[in-house]
Amino acid sequence: MQSLDTPVNWSDVTKAASRPSIDLDLTQPQTKAAYQFWLDKRAGRLMPSPKDINPAEIRSLLHFISILEVVPGPPVDYLYRIDGEAVRSAIGFTRTGRRHSEFADRIGPAHSYNMDCFAAIRADAKPRCARLALSHLSRSFYVLEIVYLPFSEDGTTVHRIMQCVSFIRKPKD
């Protein structure tokens, strides 16, 4: 993966976005591996526990992963516990230790897109997959494949969401 050293043009993020889907038609090695990790840790339960996350088991994915903690509301918010290096490089800033709501003005329509996706995951505790197209100011064009994976401390309530992002570089027309 190439390093992304320019900020995202957030106005383009949702232009070609697929709505987050329960149909996990994953195509990229990172997102497939993250989903398989989640399935293995779930072990017949509705969701795995955050305690099931062992970074050593997903070492090759850590650069592509963000983990968000659900912060009860009202309004509900999400605290970024971990933001992988590839994610930080792609978006141009770090979110670790900060709430998703802090970025509403900075990321525009992507904020609402994520909030809707997170709410759907909290409602039914099911993973989601999304594909987003985005342009960087460097004129590089990427398609993102993202898998969103719920985790629960009590077996029923979503307490954390793991995102794994795969960046697919596409030439601009």
C-alpha atoms as a PDB file:
ATOM      1  CA  MET A   1       0.000   0.000   0.000  1.00  0.00           C
ATOM      2  CA  GLN A   2       1.292   3.424  -0.873  1.00  0.00           C
ATOM      3  CA  SER A   3       1.581   6.050   1.804  1.00  0.00           C
ATOM      4  CA  LEU A   4      -1.146   8.653   1.642  1.00  0.00           C
ATOM      5  CA  ASP A   5       0.367  11.990   2.561  1.00  0.00           C
ATOM      6  CA  THR A   6      -2.405  14.389   1.615  1.00  0.00           C
ATOM      7  CA  PRO A   7      -5.709  15.008   3.366  1.00  0.00           C
ATOM      8  CA  VAL A   8      -8.959  13.548   2.150  1.00  0.00           C
ATOM      9  CA  ASN A   9     -11.324  15.646   0.079  1.00  0.00           C
ATOM     10  CA  TRP A  10     -14.249  14.734   2.333  1.00  0.00           C
ATOM     11  CA  SER A  11     -16.888  16.223   0.034  1.00  0.00           C
ATOM     12  CA  ASP A  12     -16.208  13.336  -2.354  1.00  0.00           C
ATOM     13  CA  VAL A  13     -16.388  10.532   0.205  1.00  0.00           C
ATOM     14  CA  THR A  14     -20.089   9.791  -0.015  1.00  0.00           C
ATOM     15  CA  LYS A  15     -20.629  10.566  -3.709  1.00  0.00           C
ATOM     16  CA  ALA A  16     -20.166   6.957  -4.776  1.00  0.00           C
ATOM     17  CA  ALA A  17     -20.798   5.330  -1.429  1.00  0.00           C
ATOM     18  CA  SER A  18     -22.667   2.127  -1.020  1.00  0.00           C
ATOM     19  CA  ARG A  19     -25.027   2.071   1.927  1.00  0.00           C
ATOM     20  CA  PRO A  20     -23.600  -0.087   4.692  1.00  0.00           C
ATOM     21  CA  SER A  21     -24.833  -3.582   4.006  1.00  0.00           C
ATOM     22  CA  ILE A  22     -25.377  -6.714   6.055  1.00  0.00           C
ATOM     23  CA  ASP A  23     -24.412  -8.632   2.889  1.00  0.00           C
ATOM     24  CA  LEU A  24     -20.687  -9.015   3.518  1.00  0.00           C
ATOM     25  CA  ASP A  25     -19.452  -9.390  -0.025  1.00  0.00           C
ATOM     26  CA  LEU A  26     -15.850  -8.722   0.967  1.00  0.00           C
ATOM     27  CA  THR A  27     -13.208  -8.699  -1.745  1.00  0.00           C
ATOM     28  CA  GLN A  28     -10.007  -7.502  -0.030  1.00  0.00           C
ATOM     29  CA  PRO A  29      -7.558  -9.592   2.013  1.00  0.00           C
ATOM     30  CA  GLN A  30      -7.547  -7.227   5.034  1.00  0.00           C
ATOM     31  CA  THR A  31     -11.318  -6.995   5.370  1.00  0.00           C
ATOM     32  CA  LYS A  32     -11.746 -10.732   4.800  1.00  0.00           C
ATOM     33  CA  ALA A  33      -9.143 -11.496   7.475  1.00  0.00           C
ATOM     34  CA  ALA A  34     -10.751  -9.089   9.961  1.00  0.00           C
ATOM     35  CA  TYR A  35     -14.158 -10.653   9.396  1.00  0.00           C
ATOM     36  CA  GLN A  36     -12.743 -14.174   9.790  1.00  0.00           C
ATOM     37  CA  PHE A  37     -11.055 -13.083  13.043  1.00  0.00           C
ATOM     38  CA  TRP A  38     -14.440 -11.761  14.264  1.00  0.00           C
ATOM     39  CA  LEU A  39     -16.209 -15.008  13.283  1.00  0.00           C
ATOM     40  CA  ASP A  40     -13.568 -17.109  15.038  1.00  0.00           C
ATOM     41  CA  LYS A  41     -13.778 -15.013  18.214  1.00  0.00           C
ATOM     42  CA  ARG A  42     -17.568 -14.962  18.123  1.00  0.00           C
ATOM     43  CA  ALA A  43     -17.564 -18.742  18.624  1.00  0.00           C
ATOM     44  CA  GLY A  44     -21.347 -19.158  18.332  1.00  0.00           C
ATOM     45  CA  ARG A  45     -22.196 -16.037  20.337  1.00  0.00           C
ATOM     46  CA  LEU A  46     -24.041 -13.011  18.968  1.00  0.00           C
ATOM     47  CA  MET A  47     -20.775 -11.035  19.124  1.00  0.00           C
ATOM     48  CA  PRO A  48     -17.315 -11.541  20.537  1.00  0.00           C
ATOM     49  CA  SER A  49     -16.155  -9.648  23.620  1.00  0.00           C
ATOM     50  CA  PRO A  50     -13.603  -6.822  23.457  1.00  0.00           C
ATOM     51  CA  LYS A  51     -11.511  -9.065  25.739  1.00  0.00           C
ATOM     52  CA  ASP A  52     -11.246 -11.483  22.787  1.00  0.00           C
ATOM     53  CA  ILE A  53      -9.144  -8.974  20.842  1.00  0.00           C
ATOM     54  CA  ASN A  54      -5.510 -10.025  21.015  1.00  0.00           C
ATOM     55  CA  PRO A  55      -3.382  -7.666  18.889  1.00  0.00           C
ATOM     56  CA  ALA A  56      -0.786 -10.410  18.369  1.00  0.00           C
ATOM     57  CA  GLU A  57      -3.398 -12.442  16.473  1.00  0.00           C
ATOM     58  CA  ILE A  58      -4.135  -9.614  14.044  1.00  0.00           C
ATOM     59  CA  ARG A  59      -0.692  -8.031  13.814  1.00  0.00           C
ATOM     60  CA  SER A  60      -0.849  -7.771  10.010  1.00  0.00           C
ATOM     61  CA  LEU A  61      -4.172  -5.911  10.234  1.00  0.00           C
ATOM     62  CA  LEU A  62      -3.350  -3.361  12.943  1.00  0.00           C
ATOM     63  CA  HIS A  63      -2.433  -0.612  10.444  1.00  0.00           C
ATOM     64  CA  PHE A  64      -5.907  -0.889   8.903  1.00  0.00           C
ATOM     65  CA  ILE A  65      -7.999  -1.091  12.076  1.00  0.00           C
ATOM     66  CA  SER A  66      -9.861   1.461  14.158  1.00  0.00           C
ATOM     67  CA  ILE A  67     -11.641   0.510  17.372  1.00  0.00           C
ATOM     68  CA  LEU A  68     -14.417   2.721  18.656  1.00  0.00           C
ATOM     69  CA  GLU A  69     -16.038   2.580  22.066  1.00  0.00           C
ATOM     70  CA  VAL A  70     -19.755   3.378  22.259  1.00  0.00           C
ATOM     71  CA  VAL A  71     -20.297   6.358  24.582  1.00  0.00           C
ATOM     72  CA  PRO A  72     -23.902   6.290  25.861  1.00  0.00           C
ATOM     73  CA  GLY A  73     -25.912   9.465  25.351  1.00  0.00           C
ATOM     74  CA  PRO A  74     -27.961  11.251  24.709  1.00  0.00           C
ATOM     75  CA  PRO A  75     -26.619  11.782  22.202  1.00  0.00           C
ATOM     76  CA  VAL A  76     -24.701   8.562  21.635  1.00  0.00           C
ATOM     77  CA  ASP A  77     -21.134   9.149  20.498  1.00  0.00           C
ATOM     78  CA  TYR A  78     -18.081   7.020  19.712  1.00  0.00           C
ATOM     79  CA  LEU A  79     -14.605   7.319  21.231  1.00  0.00           C
ATOM     80  CA  TYR A  80     -11.691   6.239  19.045  1.00  0.00           C
ATOM     81  CA  ARG A  81      -9.569   3.877  21.158  1.00  0.00           C
ATOM     82  CA  ILE A  82      -7.252   2.852  18.315  1.00  0.00           C
ATOM     83  CA  ASP A  83      -6.648   4.267  14.842  1.00  0.00           C
ATOM     84  CA  GLY A  84      -4.243   2.284  12.655  1.00  0.00           C
ATOM     85  CA  GLU A  85      -1.333   3.953  10.877  1.00  0.00           C
ATOM     86  CA  ALA A  86      -2.770   3.425   7.377  1.00  0.00           C
ATOM     87  CA  VAL A  87      -6.060   4.973   8.490  1.00  0.00           C
ATOM     88  CA  ARG A  88      -4.318   7.986  10.076  1.00  0.00           C
ATOM     89  CA  SER A  89      -2.226   8.467   6.960  1.00  0.00           C
ATOM     90  CA  ALA A  90      -5.268   8.296   4.687  1.00  0.00           C
ATOM     91  CA  ILE A  91      -7.410  10.783   6.579  1.00  0.00           C
ATOM     92  CA  GLY A  92      -4.559  13.128   7.437  1.00  0.00           C
ATOM     93  CA  PHE A  93      -5.083  13.316  11.200  1.00  0.00           C
ATOM     94  CA  THR A  94      -5.321  11.133  14.293  1.00  0.00           C
ATOM     95  CA  ARG A  95      -8.591  10.349  16.031  1.00  0.00           C
ATOM     96  CA  THR A  96      -7.208   8.229  18.888  1.00  0.00           C
ATOM     97  CA  GLY A  97      -8.632   9.408  22.213  1.00  0.00           C
ATOM     98  CA  ARG A  98     -11.184  11.689  20.545  1.00  0.00           C
ATOM     99  CA  ARG A  99     -14.916  11.404  19.923  1.00  0.00           C
ATOM    100  CA  HIS A 100     -16.427  10.955  16.483  1.00  0.00           C
ATOM    101  CA  SER A 101     -18.630  14.040  17.018  1.00  0.00           C
ATOM    102  CA  GLU A 102     -15.491  16.211  17.172  1.00  0.00           C
ATOM    103  CA  PHE A 103     -14.983  15.631  13.453  1.00  0.00           C
ATOM    104  CA  ALA A 104     -18.471  16.511  12.199  1.00  0.00           C
ATOM    105  CA  ASP A 105     -17.384  19.817  10.651  1.00  0.00           C
ATOM    106  CA  ARG A 106     -14.088  18.450   9.395  1.00  0.00           C
ATOM    107  CA  ILE A 107     -15.434  15.389   7.561  1.00  0.00           C
ATOM    108  CA  GLY A 108     -18.887  16.652   6.563  1.00  0.00           C
ATOM    109  CA  PRO A 109     -21.124  14.006   4.958  1.00  0.00           C
ATOM    110  CA  ALA A 110     -18.828  11.174   6.050  1.00  0.00           C
ATOM    111  CA  HIS A 111     -19.777  11.965   9.668  1.00  0.00           C
ATOM    112  CA  SER A 112     -23.495  11.345   9.046  1.00  0.00           C
ATOM    113  CA  TYR A 113     -22.706   8.270   6.968  1.00  0.00           C
ATOM    114  CA  ASN A 114     -20.698   6.745   9.814  1.00  0.00           C
ATOM    115  CA  MET A 115     -23.227   7.734  12.494  1.00  0.00           C
ATOM    116  CA  ASP A 116     -26.011   5.997  10.521  1.00  0.00           C
ATOM    117  CA  CYS A 117     -23.859   2.898  10.086  1.00  0.00           C
ATOM    118  CA  PHE A 118     -22.900   2.793  13.778  1.00  0.00           C
ATOM    119  CA  ALA A 119     -26.561   3.199  14.823  1.00  0.00           C
ATOM    120  CA  ALA A 120     -27.606   0.290  12.582  1.00  0.00           C
ATOM    121  CA  ILE A 121     -24.885  -1.902  14.086  1.00  0.00           C
ATOM    122  CA  ARG A 122     -25.948  -0.981  17.624  1.00  0.00           C
ATOM    123  CA  ALA A 123     -29.579  -1.776  16.749  1.00  0.00           C
ATOM    124  CA  ASP A 124     -29.046  -5.316  15.436  1.00  0.00           C
ATOM    125  CA  ALA A 125     -25.469  -6.261  16.453  1.00  0.00           C
ATOM    126  CA  LYS A 126     -24.641  -7.367  12.906  1.00  0.00           C
ATOM    127  CA  PRO A 127     -21.481  -6.601  10.947  1.00  0.00           C
ATOM    128  CA  ARG A 128     -21.666  -4.271   7.977  1.00  0.00           C
ATOM    129  CA  CYS A 129     -19.615  -3.783   4.827  1.00  0.00           C
ATOM    130  CA  ALA A 130     -19.357  -0.567   2.826  1.00  0.00           C
ATOM    131  CA  ARG A 131     -17.482   0.630  -0.207  1.00  0.00           C
ATOM    132  CA  LEU A 132     -16.659   4.312  -0.521  1.00  0.00           C
ATOM    133  CA  ALA A 133     -14.950   6.224  -3.273  1.00  0.00           C
ATOM    134  CA  LEU A 134     -12.796   9.165  -2.301  1.00  0.00           C
ATOM    135  CA  SER A 135     -10.414  11.569  -3.932  1.00  0.00           C
ATOM    136  CA  HIS A 136      -7.299  12.907  -2.301  1.00  0.00           C
ATOM    137  CA  LEU A 137      -6.087  16.393  -2.965  1.00  0.00           C
ATOM    138  CA  SER A 138      -3.095  14.765  -4.644  1.00  0.00           C
ATOM    139  CA  ARG A 139      -5.591  13.549  -7.269  1.00  0.00           C
ATOM    140  CA  SER A 140      -5.135   9.952  -6.189  1.00  0.00           C
ATOM    141  CA  PHE A 141      -8.388   8.047  -6.213  1.00  0.00           C
ATOM    142  CA  TYR A 142      -9.221   5.285  -3.815  1.00  0.00           C
ATOM    143  CA  VAL A 143     -12.047   2.914  -3.210  1.00  0.00           C
ATOM    144  CA  LEU A 144     -12.329   1.934   0.423  1.00  0.00           C
ATOM    145  CA  GLU A 145     -13.749  -1.389   1.453  1.00  0.00           C
ATOM    146  CA  ILE A 146     -14.691  -1.217   5.129  1.00  0.00           C
ATOM    147  CA  VAL A 147     -15.958  -3.947   7.387  1.00  0.00           C
ATOM    148  CA  TYR A 148     -17.598  -2.830  10.650  1.00  0.00           C
ATOM    149  CA  LEU A 149     -17.584  -5.481  13.405  1.00  0.00           C
ATOM    150  CA  PRO A 150     -19.508  -5.249  16.715  1.00  0.00           C
ATOM    151  CA  PHE A 151     -18.149  -6.391  20.085  1.00  0.00           C
ATOM    152  CA  SER A 152     -20.033  -6.756  23.367  1.00  0.00           C
ATOM    153  CA  GLU A 153     -19.031  -6.880  27.023  1.00  0.00           C
ATOM    154  CA  ASP A 154     -22.352  -8.468  28.103  1.00  0.00           C
ATOM    155  CA  GLY A 155     -23.196 -10.565  25.029  1.00  0.00           C
ATOM    156  CA  THR A 156     -26.153  -8.441  23.884  1.00  0.00           C
ATOM    157  CA  THR A 157     -25.246  -4.726  23.819  1.00  0.00           C
ATOM    158  CA  VAL A 158     -22.729  -3.327  21.318  1.00  0.00           C
ATOM    159  CA  HIS A 159     -19.954  -1.679  23.335  1.00  0.00           C
ATOM    160  CA  ARG A 160     -17.245  -1.448  20.676  1.00  0.00           C
ATOM    161  CA  ILE A 161     -17.041  -1.388  16.900  1.00  0.00           C
ATOM    162  CA  MET A 162     -13.945  -2.493  15.045  1.00  0.00           C
ATOM    163  CA  GLN A 163     -13.473  -1.089  11.546  1.00  0.00           C
ATOM    164  CA  CYS A 164     -11.016  -2.590   9.115  1.00  0.00           C
ATOM    165  CA  VAL A 165     -10.321  -0.564   5.980  1.00  0.00           C
ATOM    166  CA  SER A 166      -8.740  -1.693   2.746  1.00  0.00           C
ATOM    167  CA  PHE A 167      -7.523   1.014   0.338  1.00  0.00           C
ATOM    168  CA  ILE A 168      -7.746   0.136  -3.333  1.00  0.00           C
ATOM    169  CA  ARG A 169      -5.895   2.620  -5.537  1.00  0.00           C
ATOM    170  CA  LYS A 170      -7.603   3.330  -8.831  1.00  0.00           C
ATOM    171  CA  PRO A 171      -6.326   5.521 -11.658  1.00  0.00           C
ATOM    172  CA  LYS A 172      -8.387   8.657 -12.218  1.00  0.00           C
ATOM    173  CA  ASP A 173      -9.986   8.965 -15.624  1.00  0.00           C
END
